[in-house]
Amino acid sequence: MRHSHLSNPKTLFLDTHDVARLLGVIGVPDALTQLVARLRADYLRWPQFEKAARVASYSSQGTIELMPISDGTQYTYKCVNGHPGNGLRGLPTVMAMGALLDCDTGMIRMISELTLTTAMRTAATSALAAQALARPDSRTMALIGNGAQSDFQALAFYTLLGIREIRLYDLDRSASQRLQHNLAASGLADLRVQICDSVRQAVQGADIVTTVTAFQGVAQVLSADLLEPGMHINAVGGDCPGKTELDPAILPHTTVFVEFPPQTRHEGEIQNQAADFPITELWRVLADQQPGRTDAAQITLFDSVGFALEDYSALQFLHAQATRHSIGRWVEVTPDQEDPRDLFGWLQAQNHPADALAG
């Protein structure tokens, strides 16, 4: 009896075109909404996950990271880079791929691009945190850094937070113009988008400030004198040792929320703070174990570096939706052997099928 189709079924493969098509079928706003719901559900299962800080390789040009996680039933990982100089080479700053595996057999259920998906899940995570931490009446956002991630952040906060005014600032004005054009083309008639001449102009009076810059080093995109009561800061760009976006003087004036403390203390805005610098884990806020925003004047800060649980959620979302909409293709990642023990015999059969039949 041939058992290989039970033990080694084909693997679903999604490339960038597949994911783009899938998002076209679902619609980006609905996909972001569904992703936030999936993220929330998985964050509420936080204790069930086997968690570890990502394994990273650093160079002067950038970072390559491996991000694994498991809930005991399924295991996922993402391999992702961050190379700020890639634009000069015609490459994206961030590129990623990942996989979804079954824990009981190790079978690879899905391999997928995660470059586009990372942009979606990062924006969805930002929105999830802001739902818990920003003032409910927030309508204005400053978006500092207008690269590839900024479009998704803008759409997520428009869709899920009710943001209706976005102020843009980037050192490269053409980046802001690109973002403004894309948002206009998205048909958001009630969204006001303004390109600003400085960070100060963008931030003044903003309810939410999102920083998502790619500079590889210590930066102070946002200074302490720009803080205003009730502001929520969504710090997305700093994500490795030696890379920060915020003036350190900001931190003592804010209540800081993080994903996974061992990783954030190593990579986030708090990396240069004392080991006992007070932080609150986002999952505890979502689970009503600890408070988020406690009053309208409080300044909250989501020190976001990205965590593997978010990619687990994204991969689960992709697998479910791609299967539902019959998008992607099935590939043989594992040899389809009649006898699981006879890998060499399978190899011979692939190269010499007539001899294998004769034998």
Protein backbone atom coordinates (compact mmCIF):
# COMPACT_ATOMS: atom_id res chain seq x y z
CA MET A 1 0.00 0.00 0.00
CA ARG A 2 1.25 3.48 -0.86
CA HIS A 3 1.35 5.62 2.30
CA SER A 4 3.28 8.58 0.96
CA HIS A 5 0.22 10.72 0.22
CA LEU A 6 -0.70 10.51 3.88
CA SER A 7 2.75 11.19 5.31
CA ASN A 8 4.09 13.55 2.62
CA PRO A 9 1.29 15.46 0.91
CA LYS A 10 2.18 18.41 -1.24
CA THR A 11 3.02 21.81 0.18
CA LEU A 12 1.09 24.98 -0.64
CA PHE A 13 3.40 27.59 -2.17
CA LEU A 14 2.55 31.29 -2.35
CA ASP A 15 4.73 33.78 -4.19
CA THR A 16 4.33 37.54 -4.19
CA HIS A 17 1.90 37.45 -7.11
CA ASP A 18 -0.27 34.92 -5.28
CA VAL A 19 -0.43 37.06 -2.15
CA ALA A 20 -1.11 40.19 -4.20
CA ARG A 21 -3.95 38.37 -5.94
CA LEU A 22 -5.29 37.12 -2.61
CA LEU A 23 -5.30 40.66 -1.19
CA GLY A 24 -7.04 41.82 -4.35
CA VAL A 25 -9.78 39.24 -3.85
CA ILE A 26 -10.25 40.04 -0.16
CA GLY A 27 -9.50 43.77 -0.34
CA VAL A 28 -6.74 45.35 1.74
CA PRO A 29 -9.10 46.96 4.30
CA ASP A 30 -10.92 43.67 4.94
CA ALA A 31 -7.63 41.78 5.04
CA LEU A 32 -6.26 44.19 7.65
CA THR A 33 -9.45 43.80 9.69
CA GLN A 34 -9.22 40.02 9.56
CA LEU A 35 -5.52 40.10 10.40
CA VAL A 36 -6.15 42.23 13.48
CA ALA A 37 -8.82 39.77 14.63
CA ARG A 38 -6.42 36.86 14.12
CA LEU A 39 -3.60 38.71 15.93
CA ARG A 40 -5.84 39.52 18.87
CA ALA A 41 -6.97 35.89 19.18
CA ASP A 42 -3.39 34.63 19.09
CA TYR A 43 -2.12 37.25 21.55
CA LEU A 44 -4.84 36.09 23.92
CA ARG A 45 -3.28 32.61 23.68
CA TRP A 46 0.16 34.01 24.57
CA PRO A 47 0.97 31.48 27.35
CA GLN A 48 0.39 28.58 24.93
CA PHE A 49 3.28 29.59 22.67
CA GLU A 50 6.89 28.48 22.93
CA LYS A 51 8.64 31.83 22.49
CA ALA A 52 12.20 32.97 21.85
CA ALA A 53 13.86 36.16 20.71
CA ARG A 54 14.80 36.01 17.06
CA VAL A 55 18.22 34.79 15.96
CA ALA A 56 20.00 37.58 14.10
CA SER A 57 23.11 38.08 12.01
CA TYR A 58 24.33 41.68 11.94
CA SER A 59 26.59 43.42 9.45
CA SER A 60 27.44 47.03 8.71
CA GLN A 61 24.95 46.93 5.83
CA GLY A 62 22.00 45.46 7.71
CA THR A 63 20.46 42.52 9.50
CA ILE A 64 19.20 39.03 8.62
CA GLU A 65 16.91 37.43 11.20
CA LEU A 66 15.22 34.09 11.83
CA MET A 67 11.95 34.26 13.80
CA PRO A 68 10.54 30.91 15.03
CA ILE A 69 7.53 30.15 17.24
CA SER A 70 5.25 27.20 18.05
CA ASP A 71 2.01 26.59 19.89
CA GLY A 72 2.70 22.85 20.12
CA THR A 73 0.39 22.09 17.22
CA GLN A 74 1.96 24.14 14.45
CA TYR A 75 5.36 25.74 14.05
CA THR A 76 6.16 28.77 11.94
CA TYR A 77 9.27 30.70 11.09
CA LYS A 78 10.18 33.77 9.10
CA CYS A 79 13.53 34.69 7.61
CA VAL A 80 13.70 38.46 7.10
CA ASN A 81 16.30 41.10 6.39
CA GLY A 82 16.61 44.82 6.98
CA HIS A 83 19.11 46.62 4.72
CA PRO A 84 18.50 50.39 4.55
CA GLY A 85 20.91 50.84 1.63
CA ASN A 86 19.08 48.42 -0.65
CA GLY A 87 17.22 51.20 -2.46
CA LEU A 88 20.46 52.18 -4.18
CA ARG A 89 20.69 48.60 -5.47
CA GLY A 90 17.12 48.46 -6.69
CA LEU A 91 16.12 46.12 -3.86
CA PRO A 92 13.54 46.47 -1.08
CA THR A 93 14.81 47.39 2.38
CA VAL A 94 12.87 44.45 3.84
CA MET A 95 12.46 41.04 2.16
CA ALA A 96 11.09 37.92 3.80
CA MET A 97 9.89 34.36 3.40
CA GLY A 98 8.53 31.80 5.82
CA ALA A 99 6.86 28.47 6.39
CA LEU A 100 4.09 26.75 8.35
CA LEU A 101 4.73 23.21 9.65
CA ASP A 102 2.81 20.60 11.64
CA CYS A 103 4.41 19.78 14.99
CA ASP A 104 3.28 16.15 15.12
CA THR A 105 4.95 15.16 11.85
CA GLY A 106 7.17 18.10 10.86
CA MET A 107 5.35 18.22 7.54
CA ILE A 108 5.65 21.53 5.71
CA ARG A 109 2.10 22.75 5.11
CA MET A 110 2.97 26.02 3.39
CA ILE A 111 5.91 28.06 2.13
CA SER A 112 5.16 31.69 1.42
CA GLU A 113 6.57 35.05 0.52
CA LEU A 114 6.40 37.31 3.56
CA THR A 115 7.66 40.65 2.22
CA LEU A 116 4.23 41.95 1.32
CA THR A 117 2.71 40.00 4.19
CA THR A 118 5.15 41.50 6.72
CA ALA A 119 4.03 44.98 5.68
CA MET A 120 0.42 43.92 6.27
CA ARG A 121 1.01 42.22 9.63
CA THR A 122 3.17 45.08 10.92
CA ALA A 123 0.46 47.60 10.13
CA ALA A 124 -2.17 45.32 11.65
CA THR A 125 -0.11 44.95 14.84
CA SER A 126 0.29 48.72 15.07
CA ALA A 127 -3.47 49.12 14.74
CA LEU A 128 -4.15 46.41 17.33
CA ALA A 129 -1.89 48.15 19.84
CA ALA A 130 -3.39 51.55 19.08
CA GLN A 131 -6.90 50.22 19.63
CA ALA A 132 -5.82 49.41 23.19
CA LEU A 133 -3.55 52.40 23.83
CA ALA A 134 -4.59 55.46 21.80
CA ARG A 135 -7.41 57.77 22.83
CA PRO A 136 -10.68 56.53 21.30
CA ASP A 137 -11.31 59.97 19.80
CA SER A 138 -8.00 60.00 17.89
CA ARG A 139 -8.50 61.31 14.35
CA THR A 140 -5.13 62.82 13.36
CA MET A 141 -1.88 60.93 12.76
CA ALA A 142 1.62 62.10 11.93
CA LEU A 143 3.48 59.56 9.78
CA ILE A 144 7.24 60.11 9.94
CA GLY A 145 9.12 58.06 7.36
CA ASN A 146 7.25 57.46 4.11
CA GLY A 147 8.83 54.33 2.70
CA ALA A 148 7.25 51.01 1.74
CA GLN A 149 5.65 50.35 5.15
CA SER A 150 3.96 53.75 5.41
CA ASP A 151 1.10 53.03 2.99
CA PHE A 152 0.00 50.04 5.03
CA GLN A 153 0.23 51.95 8.30
CA ALA A 154 -1.93 54.73 6.85
CA LEU A 155 -4.56 52.31 5.55
CA ALA A 156 -4.64 50.34 8.80
CA PHE A 157 -5.16 53.43 10.95
CA TYR A 158 -7.77 54.80 8.57
CA THR A 159 -9.66 51.51 8.49
CA LEU A 160 -9.34 50.41 12.12
CA LEU A 161 -8.80 53.57 14.18
CA GLY A 162 -10.93 56.14 12.35
CA ILE A 163 -7.96 58.35 11.44
CA ARG A 164 -9.12 61.00 8.97
CA GLU A 165 -6.12 63.32 8.76
CA ILE A 166 -2.57 62.13 8.07
CA ARG A 167 0.42 64.44 8.05
CA LEU A 168 3.44 63.15 6.18
CA TYR A 169 7.11 63.88 6.62
CA ASP A 170 10.19 62.28 5.09
CA LEU A 171 13.69 63.58 4.41
CA ASP A 172 12.97 62.65 0.81
CA ARG A 173 9.94 64.71 -0.19
CA SER A 174 9.34 62.50 -3.21
CA ALA A 175 8.61 59.62 -0.79
CA SER A 176 5.82 61.70 0.78
CA GLN A 177 4.51 62.60 -2.66
CA ARG A 178 4.44 58.92 -3.62
CA LEU A 179 2.51 58.05 -0.47
CA GLN A 180 0.09 60.94 -0.96
CA HIS A 181 -0.57 59.78 -4.53
CA ASN A 182 -1.17 56.18 -3.47
CA LEU A 183 -3.58 57.17 -0.73
CA ALA A 184 -5.48 59.42 -3.13
CA ALA A 185 -5.68 56.55 -5.62
CA SER A 186 -7.14 54.31 -2.89
CA GLY A 187 -10.39 56.26 -3.08
CA LEU A 188 -10.45 57.43 0.55
CA ALA A 189 -12.48 60.56 -0.13
CA ASP A 190 -12.78 61.55 3.53
CA LEU A 191 -9.04 61.24 4.28
CA ARG A 192 -7.06 64.48 4.36
CA VAL A 193 -3.37 64.00 3.55
CA GLN A 194 -0.87 66.82 4.07
CA ILE A 195 2.84 66.83 3.23
CA CYS A 196 4.77 68.71 5.91
CA ASP A 197 8.09 70.54 5.83
CA SER A 198 9.30 69.31 9.22
CA VAL A 199 8.68 66.75 11.92
CA ARG A 200 7.47 69.54 14.17
CA GLN A 201 4.83 70.64 11.68
CA ALA A 202 3.64 67.05 11.23
CA VAL A 203 3.49 66.23 14.93
CA GLN A 204 1.93 69.39 16.35
CA GLY A 205 -1.61 68.55 17.47
CA ALA A 206 -1.42 64.93 16.26
CA ASP A 207 -3.26 62.32 18.32
CA ILE A 208 -1.03 59.48 17.08
CA VAL A 209 2.58 59.69 15.90
CA THR A 210 3.96 56.78 13.88
CA THR A 211 7.69 56.66 13.22
CA VAL A 212 8.76 54.16 10.58
CA THR A 213 12.21 55.15 9.35
CA ALA A 214 14.92 52.86 7.98
CA PHE A 215 18.08 54.68 9.09
CA GLN A 216 20.68 52.15 10.30
CA GLY A 217 21.92 53.82 13.47
CA VAL A 218 20.99 56.03 16.37
CA ALA A 219 18.48 58.67 15.26
CA GLN A 220 16.22 61.10 17.06
CA VAL A 221 13.35 61.37 14.62
CA LEU A 222 11.10 62.53 17.44
CA SER A 223 12.41 64.79 20.22
CA ALA A 224 11.03 65.12 23.74
CA ASP A 225 9.94 68.74 23.27
CA LEU A 226 7.37 67.58 20.68
CA LEU A 227 5.42 65.45 23.15
CA GLU A 228 1.85 66.52 23.89
CA PRO A 229 -0.58 65.23 26.53
CA GLY A 230 -2.71 62.34 25.31
CA MET A 231 -0.42 61.42 22.42
CA HIS A 232 0.10 57.81 21.37
CA ILE A 233 3.49 57.03 19.81
CA ASN A 234 3.77 54.05 17.49
CA ALA A 235 7.55 53.48 17.13
CA VAL A 236 7.96 50.96 14.31
CA GLY A 237 11.32 51.64 12.65
CA GLY A 238 13.80 50.75 15.39
CA ASP A 239 14.28 46.98 15.29
CA CYS A 240 17.86 45.96 16.00
CA PRO A 241 20.71 46.76 18.40
CA GLY A 242 22.18 50.18 17.72
CA LYS A 243 19.11 51.33 15.74
CA THR A 244 16.69 53.70 17.42
CA GLU A 245 14.32 56.47 16.32
CA LEU A 246 13.34 58.36 19.46
CA ASP A 247 15.10 60.87 21.68
CA PRO A 248 15.84 58.81 24.84
CA ALA A 249 14.46 61.72 26.88
CA ILE A 250 11.00 60.77 25.58
CA LEU A 251 10.89 57.43 27.41
CA PRO A 252 10.55 58.62 31.04
CA HIS A 253 7.53 60.72 30.01
CA THR A 254 5.65 57.80 28.49
CA THR A 255 4.09 54.50 29.48
CA VAL A 256 5.90 51.92 27.35
CA PHE A 257 4.24 48.79 25.93
CA VAL A 258 6.15 45.99 24.20
CA GLU A 259 5.66 42.65 22.46
CA PHE A 260 8.26 40.24 23.92
CA PRO A 261 10.46 41.88 26.59
CA PRO A 262 13.67 39.82 26.04
CA GLN A 263 13.67 40.87 22.39
CA THR A 264 12.56 44.48 22.85
CA ARG A 265 15.11 45.19 25.58
CA HIS A 266 17.78 44.07 23.11
CA GLU A 267 16.44 45.74 19.96
CA GLY A 268 13.83 48.37 20.78
CA GLU A 269 13.82 52.00 21.84
CA ILE A 270 14.40 50.79 25.40
CA GLN A 271 17.64 48.98 24.49
CA ASN A 272 19.79 51.59 26.26
CA GLN A 273 17.62 51.83 29.36
CA ALA A 274 18.24 50.07 32.65
CA ALA A 275 17.24 46.42 32.88
CA ASP A 276 14.43 47.34 35.26
CA PHE A 277 13.02 50.14 33.08
CA PRO A 278 9.23 49.70 33.48
CA ILE A 279 7.35 48.19 30.56
CA THR A 280 4.00 46.49 30.04
CA GLU A 281 3.49 43.51 27.73
CA LEU A 282 0.83 44.15 25.10
CA TRP A 283 -0.75 40.71 25.52
CA ARG A 284 -1.48 41.46 29.17
CA VAL A 285 -3.36 44.61 28.18
CA LEU A 286 -5.38 42.71 25.58
CA ALA A 287 -6.16 40.03 28.19
CA ASP A 288 -7.24 42.68 30.74
CA GLN A 289 -4.48 41.59 33.11
CA GLN A 290 -2.85 45.03 33.14
CA PRO A 291 -4.15 48.48 32.18
CA GLY A 292 -3.37 50.20 28.91
CA ARG A 293 -4.24 53.87 28.71
CA THR A 294 -5.57 55.03 32.06
CA ASP A 295 -6.46 58.65 31.28
CA ALA A 296 -6.81 61.06 28.38
CA ALA A 297 -3.61 62.97 29.18
CA GLN A 298 -1.34 59.92 29.41
CA ILE A 299 1.34 59.55 26.72
CA THR A 300 1.56 55.94 25.56
CA LEU A 301 4.38 54.39 23.51
CA PHE A 302 4.24 51.11 21.62
CA ASP A 303 7.90 50.11 21.25
CA SER A 304 7.32 47.79 18.30
CA VAL A 305 10.12 45.61 16.96
CA GLY A 306 8.02 42.82 15.42
CA PHE A 307 7.65 39.40 17.01
CA ALA A 308 7.29 35.86 15.65
CA LEU A 309 3.75 35.45 16.96
CA GLU A 310 2.63 38.09 14.46
CA ASP A 311 4.10 36.06 11.60
CA TYR A 312 2.43 32.92 12.97
CA SER A 313 -0.89 34.78 12.76
CA ALA A 314 -0.11 36.05 9.28
CA LEU A 315 0.87 32.61 7.98
CA GLN A 316 -2.27 31.05 9.45
CA PHE A 317 -4.32 33.79 7.81
CA LEU A 318 -2.62 33.23 4.45
CA HIS A 319 -3.07 29.45 4.59
CA ALA A 320 -6.77 29.69 5.42
CA GLN A 321 -7.55 32.34 2.83
CA ALA A 322 -5.43 30.88 0.03
CA THR A 323 -7.07 27.49 0.54
CA ARG A 324 -10.52 29.08 0.61
CA HIS A 325 -9.92 31.05 -2.61
CA SER A 326 -7.84 28.34 -4.36
CA ILE A 327 -4.83 30.64 -4.77
CA GLY A 328 -1.25 29.35 -4.93
CA ARG A 329 0.16 26.10 -6.22
CA TRP A 330 1.00 22.77 -4.68
CA VAL A 331 4.65 21.72 -4.80
CA GLU A 332 6.57 18.64 -3.72
CA VAL A 333 9.03 19.78 -1.09
CA THR A 334 9.32 16.27 0.39
CA PRO A 335 10.16 13.24 -1.79
CA ASP A 336 7.04 11.20 -2.60
CA GLN A 337 8.40 7.79 -1.64
CA GLU A 338 6.50 4.51 -1.68
CA ASP A 339 8.78 3.30 1.13
CA PRO A 340 9.67 6.18 3.48
CA ARG A 341 12.92 4.39 4.35
CA ASP A 342 14.14 4.11 0.77
CA LEU A 343 15.22 7.66 -0.08
CA PHE A 344 18.07 6.44 -2.30
CA GLY A 345 15.73 4.15 -4.21
CA TRP A 346 13.43 7.11 -4.81
CA LEU A 347 16.41 9.11 -6.10
CA GLN A 348 17.34 6.34 -8.53
CA ALA A 349 13.77 6.17 -9.78
CA GLN A 350 13.74 9.89 -10.55
CA ASN A 351 16.88 9.67 -12.68
CA HIS A 352 16.43 6.21 -14.17
CA PRO A 353 12.68 5.43 -14.13
CA ALA A 354 12.95 2.60 -16.68
CA ASP A 355 15.63 0.80 -14.66
CA ALA A 356 13.59 1.22 -11.50
CA LEU A 357 10.56 -0.32 -13.18
CA ALA A 358 12.66 -3.19 -14.53
CA GLY A 359 14.06 -3.86 -11.07
